[in-house]
Amino acid sequence: MAMDVGNTETLIGLFGGDGLDSPDAMGFARASGEHGLAYHWRTATAASRTPDEHAVTLTQLLDLEGLDLRNAVSAIAVCSSVPSVTTQLRRMAGRWFADRPLTVLGPGTKSGMPILYENPRDVGADRIADAVGAYDLYPGALVVVDMGTATVFDVVSADGEYLGGAIAPGIAISLEALYAHASALRSVELVRPRSVVGRSTAESIRSGVLYGFAAQIDGMVERIWEEVGECTVIGTGGLASFIAPHTAHVGVVEPWLTLHGVRIVHERNHPKESP
C-alpha cells in the first residue's frame, strides 16, 4: 500500500500482488494504464486523526472493495508533506503492521536518484516521488508539473538526476486569497468557462483561473526549456485533469504518479516486498 499525504488530500493506492484476490482489479489497472495500481482512494487530510483512526479508515476503504486489510497489505510506503500525519502513520504502522515493512520517504531514504539541490534534505518527499515515478515511466529528460495545493515544477536530467524546479501558489490557495481580499467577489464552482472573455463575474473568475494557470504552466515550461532543453512534460496532481488539456506543453497526465514513485522508492529499500 502506498500513501501520498498532501496538505489538502491524501491519496491511497493498493498495488497488485499475491495478497490481492481480485484478478479483475489487475486487469482494470493494466487497461487503464495505471501501472499495477489495482485500487485507489482519495480522502481529506486530517492532521488530528489518531493512529487508530487511520487504521479504521484504511480498513473501511478496503472493505468497500471486499478486501481484508491484513491479507491485502504486505507492506506500507508513505510520502507525506504533513509532519503530524507522518508521525501518526508511523505509530499506526507500528501498532497494526509491526510485521510488515514500512518506508517513509524522507532524508536518508534511498531513492536511487541523485539529488542536485544545494541541500538535498530540503526537497519535499512528494517531489522526489514524482521525479522517481516519472523517470521510471518516461526515461529521459523531463519536467513534472504537480497541480495541487501548490503548482510545483520538478526537472529531471536525461541521466536521471533531480535538478531542481519551481514552486508557485496553486489554484485553491490563489482563490482563497482572492476571496479574502476582494469582498465583492463570491466563490464559484471550478468548471470550464464558455469562453476566455467572461461575460459575468463568475465566468471571468473561471476564465482567469483555468486559462491563467494553463498559461503560467506553459510559460514556466518554456523558461525551463531555455535552460535545460526541450523535453517531456508530465502533469499530475488533483487538478491536472482540469488544467492540463488547456496547456500547450503538458504531453501526458499521470494522476497516480506520486503513488507510483512511492512504490518504487519502497522497492529500492525493501527489494523483496511491494506495497
C-alpha atoms as a PDB file:
ATOM      1  CA  MET A   1       0.000   0.000   0.000  1.00  0.00           C
ATOM      2  CA  ALA A   2       1.324   3.424  -0.970  1.00  0.00           C
ATOM      3  CA  MET A   3       0.130   6.672   0.602  1.00  0.00           C
ATOM      4  CA  ASP A   4       0.675  10.254  -0.561  1.00  0.00           C
ATOM      5  CA  VAL A   5      -0.297  12.680   2.199  1.00  0.00           C
ATOM      6  CA  GLY A   6      -0.760  16.180   0.839  1.00  0.00           C
ATOM      7  CA  ASN A   7      -1.761  19.359   2.637  1.00  0.00           C
ATOM      8  CA  THR A   8      -5.352  19.060   1.417  1.00  0.00           C
ATOM      9  CA  GLU A   9      -5.911  15.480   0.291  1.00  0.00           C
ATOM     10  CA  THR A  10      -4.409  12.051   0.860  1.00  0.00           C
ATOM     11  CA  LEU A  11      -4.088   9.536  -1.965  1.00  0.00           C
ATOM     12  CA  ILE A  12      -4.027   5.857  -1.075  1.00  0.00           C
ATOM     13  CA  GLY A  13      -3.134   3.138  -3.548  1.00  0.00           C
ATOM     14  CA  LEU A  14      -3.043  -0.636  -3.364  1.00  0.00           C
ATOM     15  CA  PHE A  15      -0.762  -2.245  -5.901  1.00  0.00           C
ATOM     16  CA  GLY A  16      -1.267  -5.732  -7.270  1.00  0.00           C
ATOM     17  CA  GLY A  17       0.413  -8.670  -5.607  1.00  0.00           C
ATOM     18  CA  ASP A  18      -0.142 -12.046  -4.033  1.00  0.00           C
ATOM     19  CA  GLY A  19      -2.263 -10.507  -1.290  1.00  0.00           C
ATOM     20  CA  LEU A  20      -4.983  -9.425  -3.718  1.00  0.00           C
ATOM     21  CA  ASP A  21      -7.757 -11.860  -4.541  1.00  0.00           C
ATOM     22  CA  SER A  22      -9.284  -9.938  -7.443  1.00  0.00           C
ATOM     23  CA  PRO A  23      -7.808 -10.625 -10.891  1.00  0.00           C
ATOM     24  CA  ASP A  24     -10.312  -8.162 -12.334  1.00  0.00           C
ATOM     25  CA  ALA A  25      -8.621  -5.373 -10.406  1.00  0.00           C
ATOM     26  CA  MET A  26      -5.287  -6.016 -12.067  1.00  0.00           C
ATOM     27  CA  GLY A  27      -6.926  -6.252 -15.464  1.00  0.00           C
ATOM     28  CA  PHE A  28      -8.541  -2.869 -14.863  1.00  0.00           C
ATOM     29  CA  ALA A  29      -5.226  -1.374 -13.785  1.00  0.00           C
ATOM     30  CA  ARG A  30      -3.438  -2.597 -16.916  1.00  0.00           C
ATOM     31  CA  ALA A  31      -6.240  -1.467 -19.212  1.00  0.00           C
ATOM     32  CA  SER A  32      -6.292   1.948 -17.568  1.00  0.00           C
ATOM     33  CA  GLY A  33      -2.543   2.407 -17.799  1.00  0.00           C
ATOM     34  CA  GLU A  34      -2.262   2.655 -14.018  1.00  0.00           C
ATOM     35  CA  HIS A  35       0.980   0.664 -13.854  1.00  0.00           C
ATOM     36  CA  GLY A  36      -0.122  -2.090 -11.495  1.00  0.00           C
ATOM     37  CA  LEU A  37      -2.274   0.128  -9.282  1.00  0.00           C
ATOM     38  CA  ALA A  38      -5.222  -2.138  -8.528  1.00  0.00           C
ATOM     39  CA  TYR A  39      -7.224   0.124  -6.212  1.00  0.00           C
ATOM     40  CA  HIS A  40      -7.024   3.778  -5.278  1.00  0.00           C
ATOM     41  CA  TRP A  41      -8.829   6.183  -2.958  1.00  0.00           C
ATOM     42  CA  ARG A  42      -8.754   9.907  -2.209  1.00  0.00           C
ATOM     43  CA  THR A  43      -9.544  11.228   1.290  1.00  0.00           C
ATOM     44  CA  ALA A  44      -9.275  14.573   3.058  1.00  0.00           C
ATOM     45  CA  THR A  45      -6.045  15.038   5.005  1.00  0.00           C
ATOM     46  CA  ALA A  46      -6.897  15.290   8.695  1.00  0.00           C
ATOM     47  CA  ALA A  47      -3.967  16.324  10.868  1.00  0.00           C
ATOM     48  CA  SER A  48      -5.908  15.464  14.041  1.00  0.00           C
ATOM     49  CA  ARG A  49      -6.565  11.841  13.052  1.00  0.00           C
ATOM     50  CA  THR A  50      -5.121   9.334  15.527  1.00  0.00           C
ATOM     51  CA  PRO A  51      -3.203   6.139  14.614  1.00  0.00           C
ATOM     52  CA  ASP A  52      -6.280   4.032  15.389  1.00  0.00           C
ATOM     53  CA  GLU A  53      -8.472   6.298  13.247  1.00  0.00           C
ATOM     54  CA  HIS A  54      -6.051   5.897  10.348  1.00  0.00           C
ATOM     55  CA  ALA A  55      -6.301   2.116  10.739  1.00  0.00           C
ATOM     56  CA  VAL A  56     -10.106   2.297  10.808  1.00  0.00           C
ATOM     57  CA  THR A  57     -10.159   4.469   7.672  1.00  0.00           C
ATOM     58  CA  LEU A  58      -7.934   2.046   5.752  1.00  0.00           C
ATOM     59  CA  THR A  59      -9.998  -0.924   6.941  1.00  0.00           C
ATOM     60  CA  GLN A  60     -13.213   0.682   5.756  1.00  0.00           C
ATOM     61  CA  LEU A  61     -11.808   1.679   2.369  1.00  0.00           C
ATOM     62  CA  LEU A  62     -10.573  -1.832   1.655  1.00  0.00           C
ATOM     63  CA  ASP A  63     -13.807  -3.319   2.955  1.00  0.00           C
ATOM     64  CA  LEU A  64     -15.711  -1.332   0.323  1.00  0.00           C
ATOM     65  CA  GLU A  65     -13.796  -3.351  -2.278  1.00  0.00           C
ATOM     66  CA  GLY A  66     -14.288  -6.651  -0.452  1.00  0.00           C
ATOM     67  CA  LEU A  67     -10.672  -6.752   0.731  1.00  0.00           C
ATOM     68  CA  ASP A  68      -9.266  -7.656   4.118  1.00  0.00           C
ATOM     69  CA  LEU A  69      -6.638  -5.222   5.390  1.00  0.00           C
ATOM     70  CA  ARG A  70      -4.457  -7.893   6.958  1.00  0.00           C
ATOM     71  CA  ASN A  71      -4.346 -10.087   3.846  1.00  0.00           C
ATOM     72  CA  ALA A  72      -4.233  -7.401   1.166  1.00  0.00           C
ATOM     73  CA  VAL A  73      -1.424  -5.242   2.567  1.00  0.00           C
ATOM     74  CA  SER A  74       2.057  -6.785   2.544  1.00  0.00           C
ATOM     75  CA  ALA A  75       3.949  -3.509   3.105  1.00  0.00           C
ATOM     76  CA  ILE A  76       3.308   0.208   3.587  1.00  0.00           C
ATOM     77  CA  ALA A  77       5.088   3.109   1.911  1.00  0.00           C
ATOM     78  CA  VAL A  78       4.345   6.701   2.891  1.00  0.00           C
ATOM     79  CA  CYS A  79       5.140  10.045   1.327  1.00  0.00           C
ATOM     80  CA  SER A  80       3.900  12.923   3.484  1.00  0.00           C
ATOM     81  CA  SER A  81       4.008  16.702   3.385  1.00  0.00           C
ATOM     82  CA  VAL A  82       2.338  16.978   6.803  1.00  0.00           C
ATOM     83  CA  PRO A  83       4.730  16.093   9.663  1.00  0.00           C
ATOM     84  CA  SER A  84       1.983  15.477  12.236  1.00  0.00           C
ATOM     85  CA  VAL A  85       0.281  12.973   9.931  1.00  0.00           C
ATOM     86  CA  THR A  86       3.621  11.308   9.222  1.00  0.00           C
ATOM     87  CA  THR A  87       4.064  10.721  12.937  1.00  0.00           C
ATOM     88  CA  GLN A  88       0.593   9.227  13.342  1.00  0.00           C
ATOM     89  CA  LEU A  89       1.042   6.935  10.340  1.00  0.00           C
ATOM     90  CA  ARG A  90       4.330   5.680  11.790  1.00  0.00           C
ATOM     91  CA  ARG A  91       2.504   4.887  15.037  1.00  0.00           C
ATOM     92  CA  MET A  92      -0.325   3.193  13.149  1.00  0.00           C
ATOM     93  CA  ALA A  93       2.138   1.006  11.270  1.00  0.00           C
ATOM     94  CA  GLY A  94       3.988   0.197  14.484  1.00  0.00           C
ATOM     95  CA  ARG A  95       0.817  -0.970  16.199  1.00  0.00           C
ATOM     96  CA  TRP A  96      -1.170  -2.629  13.439  1.00  0.00           C
ATOM     97  CA  PHE A  97       1.507  -3.601  10.897  1.00  0.00           C
ATOM     98  CA  ALA A  98       4.581  -4.234  13.025  1.00  0.00           C
ATOM     99  CA  ASP A  99       5.379  -7.358  10.993  1.00  0.00           C
ATOM    100  CA  ARG A 100       5.216  -5.524   7.624  1.00  0.00           C
ATOM    101  CA  PRO A 101       7.969  -3.453   6.005  1.00  0.00           C
ATOM    102  CA  LEU A 102       7.462   0.310   6.306  1.00  0.00           C
ATOM    103  CA  THR A 103       9.076   3.001   4.166  1.00  0.00           C
ATOM    104  CA  VAL A 104       8.614   6.686   4.935  1.00  0.00           C
ATOM    105  CA  LEU A 105      10.188   8.869   2.267  1.00  0.00           C
ATOM    106  CA  GLY A 106      12.479  11.474   3.728  1.00  0.00           C
ATOM    107  CA  PRO A 107      16.122  12.356   4.387  1.00  0.00           C
ATOM    108  CA  GLY A 108      18.171   9.177   4.439  1.00  0.00           C
ATOM    109  CA  THR A 109      15.722   7.138   2.370  1.00  0.00           C
ATOM    110  CA  LYS A 110      17.406   5.595  -0.666  1.00  0.00           C
ATOM    111  CA  SER A 111      15.596   6.967  -3.721  1.00  0.00           C
ATOM    112  CA  GLY A 112      18.030   5.779  -6.380  1.00  0.00           C
ATOM    113  CA  MET A 113      18.058   9.272  -7.920  1.00  0.00           C
ATOM    114  CA  PRO A 114      20.932  11.746  -7.428  1.00  0.00           C
ATOM    115  CA  ILE A 115      19.585  14.977  -5.902  1.00  0.00           C
ATOM    116  CA  LEU A 116      21.472  18.015  -7.197  1.00  0.00           C
ATOM    117  CA  TYR A 117      19.722  20.517  -4.906  1.00  0.00           C
ATOM    118  CA  GLU A 118      22.054  22.744  -2.867  1.00  0.00           C
ATOM    119  CA  ASN A 119      20.709  20.952   0.207  1.00  0.00           C
ATOM    120  CA  PRO A 120      19.130  17.615  -0.823  1.00  0.00           C
ATOM    121  CA  ARG A 121      17.343  17.390   2.536  1.00  0.00           C
ATOM    122  CA  ASP A 122      15.239  20.425   1.564  1.00  0.00           C
ATOM    123  CA  VAL A 123      13.491  18.628  -1.298  1.00  0.00           C
ATOM    124  CA  GLY A 124       9.984  17.511  -0.362  1.00  0.00           C
ATOM    125  CA  ALA A 125       9.307  13.779  -0.335  1.00  0.00           C
ATOM    126  CA  ASP A 126       6.435  14.206  -2.796  1.00  0.00           C
ATOM    127  CA  ARG A 127       8.731  15.950  -5.277  1.00  0.00           C
ATOM    128  CA  ILE A 128      11.230  13.090  -5.107  1.00  0.00           C
ATOM    129  CA  ALA A 129       8.433  10.546  -5.539  1.00  0.00           C
ATOM    130  CA  ASP A 130       7.106  12.424  -8.593  1.00  0.00           C
ATOM    131  CA  ALA A 131      10.568  12.587 -10.160  1.00  0.00           C
ATOM    132  CA  VAL A 132      11.364   8.928  -9.478  1.00  0.00           C
ATOM    133  CA  GLY A 133       7.984   7.771 -10.791  1.00  0.00           C
ATOM    134  CA  ALA A 134       8.181   9.938 -13.888  1.00  0.00           C
ATOM    135  CA  TYR A 135      11.697   8.839 -14.809  1.00  0.00           C
ATOM    136  CA  ASP A 136      10.681   5.200 -14.384  1.00  0.00           C
ATOM    137  CA  LEU A 137       7.763   5.608 -16.789  1.00  0.00           C
ATOM    138  CA  TYR A 138       9.414   8.018 -19.239  1.00  0.00           C
ATOM    139  CA  PRO A 139      13.213   7.593 -19.104  1.00  0.00           C
ATOM    140  CA  GLY A 140      14.922  10.742 -20.308  1.00  0.00           C
ATOM    141  CA  ALA A 141      14.916  14.456 -19.579  1.00  0.00           C
ATOM    142  CA  LEU A 142      11.552  15.618 -18.278  1.00  0.00           C
ATOM    143  CA  VAL A 143       9.558  18.185 -16.350  1.00  0.00           C
ATOM    144  CA  VAL A 144       6.894  17.110 -13.869  1.00  0.00           C
ATOM    145  CA  VAL A 145       4.143  19.628 -13.125  1.00  0.00           C
ATOM    146  CA  ASP A 146       2.220  18.731  -9.970  1.00  0.00           C
ATOM    147  CA  MET A 147      -1.024  20.722  -9.869  1.00  0.00           C
ATOM    148  CA  GLY A 148      -2.296  20.623  -6.318  1.00  0.00           C
ATOM    149  CA  THR A 149      -2.261  22.944  -3.308  1.00  0.00           C
ATOM    150  CA  ALA A 150       0.817  24.427  -4.966  1.00  0.00           C
ATOM    151  CA  THR A 151       1.839  24.204  -8.601  1.00  0.00           C
ATOM    152  CA  VAL A 152       5.227  22.501  -8.457  1.00  0.00           C
ATOM    153  CA  PHE A 153       7.691  22.072 -11.313  1.00  0.00           C
ATOM    154  CA  ASP A 154      10.365  19.370 -10.975  1.00  0.00           C
ATOM    155  CA  VAL A 155      13.132  18.879 -13.532  1.00  0.00           C
ATOM    156  CA  VAL A 156      14.985  15.623 -14.180  1.00  0.00           C
ATOM    157  CA  SER A 157      18.010  15.274 -16.454  1.00  0.00           C
ATOM    158  CA  ALA A 158      18.409  12.677 -19.193  1.00  0.00           C
ATOM    159  CA  ASP A 159      20.732  10.801 -16.817  1.00  0.00           C
ATOM    160  CA  GLY A 160      18.053  10.570 -14.134  1.00  0.00           C
ATOM    161  CA  GLU A 161      19.331  13.361 -11.877  1.00  0.00           C
ATOM    162  CA  TYR A 162      16.975  15.590  -9.938  1.00  0.00           C
ATOM    163  CA  LEU A 163      17.981  19.107 -10.983  1.00  0.00           C
ATOM    164  CA  GLY A 164      15.512  21.235  -9.013  1.00  0.00           C
ATOM    165  CA  GLY A 165      12.446  23.169 -10.062  1.00  0.00           C
ATOM    166  CA  ALA A 166       9.996  25.881  -9.085  1.00  0.00           C
ATOM    167  CA  ILE A 167       7.036  26.317  -6.740  1.00  0.00           C
ATOM    168  CA  ALA A 168       4.061  28.638  -7.239  1.00  0.00           C
ATOM    169  CA  PRO A 169       0.756  29.052  -5.372  1.00  0.00           C
ATOM    170  CA  GLY A 170      -1.898  26.645  -6.633  1.00  0.00           C
ATOM    171  CA  ILE A 171      -5.462  27.330  -7.649  1.00  0.00           C
ATOM    172  CA  ALA A 172      -7.040  26.746  -4.236  1.00  0.00           C
ATOM    173  CA  ILE A 173      -4.568  28.999  -2.414  1.00  0.00           C
ATOM    174  CA  SER A 174      -4.923  31.710  -5.045  1.00  0.00           C
ATOM    175  CA  LEU A 175      -8.716  31.650  -4.901  1.00  0.00           C
ATOM    176  CA  GLU A 176      -8.714  31.770  -1.113  1.00  0.00           C
ATOM    177  CA  ALA A 177      -6.519  34.868  -1.244  1.00  0.00           C
ATOM    178  CA  LEU A 178      -8.716  36.422  -3.917  1.00  0.00           C
ATOM    179  CA  TYR A 179     -11.925  35.933  -1.941  1.00  0.00           C
ATOM    180  CA  ALA A 180     -10.271  37.074   1.294  1.00  0.00           C
ATOM    181  CA  HIS A 181      -9.061  40.363  -0.174  1.00  0.00           C
ATOM    182  CA  ALA A 182     -11.843  41.121  -2.651  1.00  0.00           C
ATOM    183  CA  SER A 183     -15.060  41.105  -0.643  1.00  0.00           C
ATOM    184  CA  ALA A 184     -17.247  41.806  -3.671  1.00  0.00           C
ATOM    185  CA  LEU A 185     -16.238  38.520  -5.315  1.00  0.00           C
ATOM    186  CA  ARG A 186     -18.082  35.342  -4.429  1.00  0.00           C
ATOM    187  CA  SER A 187     -16.936  31.748  -4.585  1.00  0.00           C
ATOM    188  CA  VAL A 188     -17.616  29.952  -7.866  1.00  0.00           C
ATOM    189  CA  GLU A 189     -17.590  26.340  -8.975  1.00  0.00           C
ATOM    190  CA  LEU A 190     -14.459  25.384 -10.890  1.00  0.00           C
ATOM    191  CA  VAL A 191     -15.718  24.372 -14.316  1.00  0.00           C
ATOM    192  CA  ARG A 192     -14.598  25.254 -17.826  1.00  0.00           C
ATOM    193  CA  PRO A 193     -15.897  28.715 -18.835  1.00  0.00           C
ATOM    194  CA  ARG A 194     -17.866  29.131 -22.033  1.00  0.00           C
ATOM    195  CA  SER A 195     -15.234  31.492 -23.419  1.00  0.00           C
ATOM    196  CA  VAL A 196     -11.980  33.184 -22.493  1.00  0.00           C
ATOM    197  CA  VAL A 197     -13.737  36.541 -22.397  1.00  0.00           C
ATOM    198  CA  GLY A 198     -16.129  36.142 -19.470  1.00  0.00           C
ATOM    199  CA  ARG A 199     -19.472  37.928 -19.595  1.00  0.00           C
ATOM    200  CA  SER A 200     -20.200  37.603 -15.898  1.00  0.00           C
ATOM    201  CA  THR A 201     -18.071  37.806 -12.758  1.00  0.00           C
ATOM    202  CA  ALA A 202     -18.312  34.060 -12.236  1.00  0.00           C
ATOM    203  CA  GLU A 203     -17.281  33.348 -15.833  1.00  0.00           C
ATOM    204  CA  SER A 204     -14.443  35.866 -15.570  1.00  0.00           C
ATOM    205  CA  ILE A 205     -13.073  34.139 -12.473  1.00  0.00           C
ATOM    206  CA  ARG A 206     -13.344  30.727 -14.124  1.00  0.00           C
ATOM    207  CA  SER A 207     -11.546  32.011 -17.213  1.00  0.00           C
ATOM    208  CA  GLY A 208      -8.800  33.649 -15.208  1.00  0.00           C
ATOM    209  CA  VAL A 209      -8.266  30.514 -13.136  1.00  0.00           C
ATOM    210  CA  LEU A 210      -8.295  27.928 -15.909  1.00  0.00           C
ATOM    211  CA  TYR A 211      -6.553  29.786 -18.722  1.00  0.00           C
ATOM    212  CA  GLY A 212      -4.385  31.856 -16.404  1.00  0.00           C
ATOM    213  CA  PHE A 213      -2.918  28.798 -14.707  1.00  0.00           C
ATOM    214  CA  ALA A 214      -2.600  26.969 -18.025  1.00  0.00           C
ATOM    215  CA  ALA A 215      -0.647  29.943 -19.401  1.00  0.00           C
ATOM    216  CA  GLN A 216       1.505  30.027 -16.252  1.00  0.00           C
ATOM    217  CA  ILE A 217       2.420  26.371 -16.748  1.00  0.00           C
ATOM    218  CA  ASP A 218       3.249  26.850 -20.418  1.00  0.00           C
ATOM    219  CA  GLY A 219       5.288  29.950 -19.647  1.00  0.00           C
ATOM    220  CA  MET A 220       7.285  28.236 -16.909  1.00  0.00           C
ATOM    221  CA  VAL A 221       7.882  25.165 -19.066  1.00  0.00           C
ATOM    222  CA  GLU A 222       9.229  27.341 -21.867  1.00  0.00           C
ATOM    223  CA  ARG A 223      11.594  29.107 -19.462  1.00  0.00           C
ATOM    224  CA  ILE A 224      12.768  25.750 -18.092  1.00  0.00           C
ATOM    225  CA  TRP A 225      13.345  24.510 -21.646  1.00  0.00           C
ATOM    226  CA  GLU A 226      15.513  27.564 -22.295  1.00  0.00           C
ATOM    227  CA  GLU A 227      17.828  26.345 -19.520  1.00  0.00           C
ATOM    228  CA  VAL A 228      17.772  22.552 -19.928  1.00  0.00           C
ATOM    229  CA  GLY A 229      16.479  21.951 -23.455  1.00  0.00           C
ATOM    230  CA  GLU A 230      13.105  20.773 -24.702  1.00  0.00           C
ATOM    231  CA  CYS A 231      11.890  17.600 -23.001  1.00  0.00           C
ATOM    232  CA  THR A 232       8.833  15.603 -21.982  1.00  0.00           C
ATOM    233  CA  VAL A 233       6.318  17.350 -19.715  1.00  0.00           C
ATOM    234  CA  ILE A 234       4.165  15.247 -17.393  1.00  0.00           C
ATOM    235  CA  GLY A 235       1.181  16.558 -15.471  1.00  0.00           C
ATOM    236  CA  THR A 236      -0.022  15.123 -12.174  1.00  0.00           C
ATOM    237  CA  GLY A 237      -1.915  16.192  -9.058  1.00  0.00           C
ATOM    238  CA  GLY A 238      -5.554  16.635  -8.218  1.00  0.00           C
ATOM    239  CA  LEU A 239      -6.132  19.456 -10.726  1.00  0.00           C
ATOM    240  CA  ALA A 240      -4.101  18.044 -13.618  1.00  0.00           C
ATOM    241  CA  SER A 241      -7.108  16.642 -15.476  1.00  0.00           C
ATOM    242  CA  PHE A 242      -8.776  20.079 -15.249  1.00  0.00           C
ATOM    243  CA  ILE A 243      -5.844  22.247 -16.326  1.00  0.00           C
ATOM    244  CA  ALA A 244      -3.560  20.085 -18.487  1.00  0.00           C
ATOM    245  CA  PRO A 245      -5.905  19.760 -21.518  1.00  0.00           C
ATOM    246  CA  HIS A 246      -5.740  23.556 -21.893  1.00  0.00           C
ATOM    247  CA  THR A 247      -1.959  23.764 -21.890  1.00  0.00           C
ATOM    248  CA  ALA A 248       0.220  23.593 -24.962  1.00  0.00           C
ATOM    249  CA  HIS A 249       3.133  21.685 -23.442  1.00  0.00           C
ATOM    250  CA  VAL A 250       1.838  19.079 -20.983  1.00  0.00           C
ATOM    251  CA  GLY A 251       2.098  15.953 -23.094  1.00  0.00           C
ATOM    252  CA  VAL A 252       0.693  13.336 -20.718  1.00  0.00           C
ATOM    253  CA  VAL A 253      -1.218  13.238 -17.441  1.00  0.00           C
ATOM    254  CA  GLU A 254      -0.372  10.619 -14.810  1.00  0.00           C
ATOM    255  CA  PRO A 255      -2.852  11.158 -11.946  1.00  0.00           C
ATOM    256  CA  TRP A 256      -1.266   8.498  -9.702  1.00  0.00           C
ATOM    257  CA  LEU A 257       2.353   9.380 -10.452  1.00  0.00           C
ATOM    258  CA  THR A 258       3.291  10.107  -6.833  1.00  0.00           C
ATOM    259  CA  LEU A 259       1.984   6.723  -5.677  1.00  0.00           C
ATOM    260  CA  HIS A 260       3.976   5.032  -8.416  1.00  0.00           C
ATOM    261  CA  GLY A 261       7.117   6.820  -7.284  1.00  0.00           C
ATOM    262  CA  VAL A 262       6.453   5.970  -3.628  1.00  0.00           C
ATOM    263  CA  ARG A 263       6.173   2.317  -4.557  1.00  0.00           C
ATOM    264  CA  ILE A 264       9.449   2.374  -6.497  1.00  0.00           C
ATOM    265  CA  VAL A 265      11.327   4.010  -3.606  1.00  0.00           C
ATOM    266  CA  HIS A 266       9.928   1.396  -1.254  1.00  0.00           C
ATOM    267  CA  GLU A 267      11.076  -1.427  -3.521  1.00  0.00           C
ATOM    268  CA  ARG A 268      14.574   0.061  -3.649  1.00  0.00           C
ATOM    269  CA  ASN A 269      14.697  -0.010   0.152  1.00  0.00           C
ATOM    270  CA  HIS A 270      12.922  -3.384   0.536  1.00  0.00           C
ATOM    271  CA  PRO A 271      13.695  -5.292  -2.697  1.00  0.00           C
ATOM    272  CA  LYS A 272      11.714  -8.405  -1.750  1.00  0.00           C
ATOM    273  CA  GLU A 273       8.497  -6.626  -0.785  1.00  0.00           C
ATOM    274  CA  SER A 274       5.966  -4.474  -2.630  1.00  0.00           C
ATOM    275  CA  PRO A 275       3.272  -2.220  -1.130  1.00  0.00           C
END
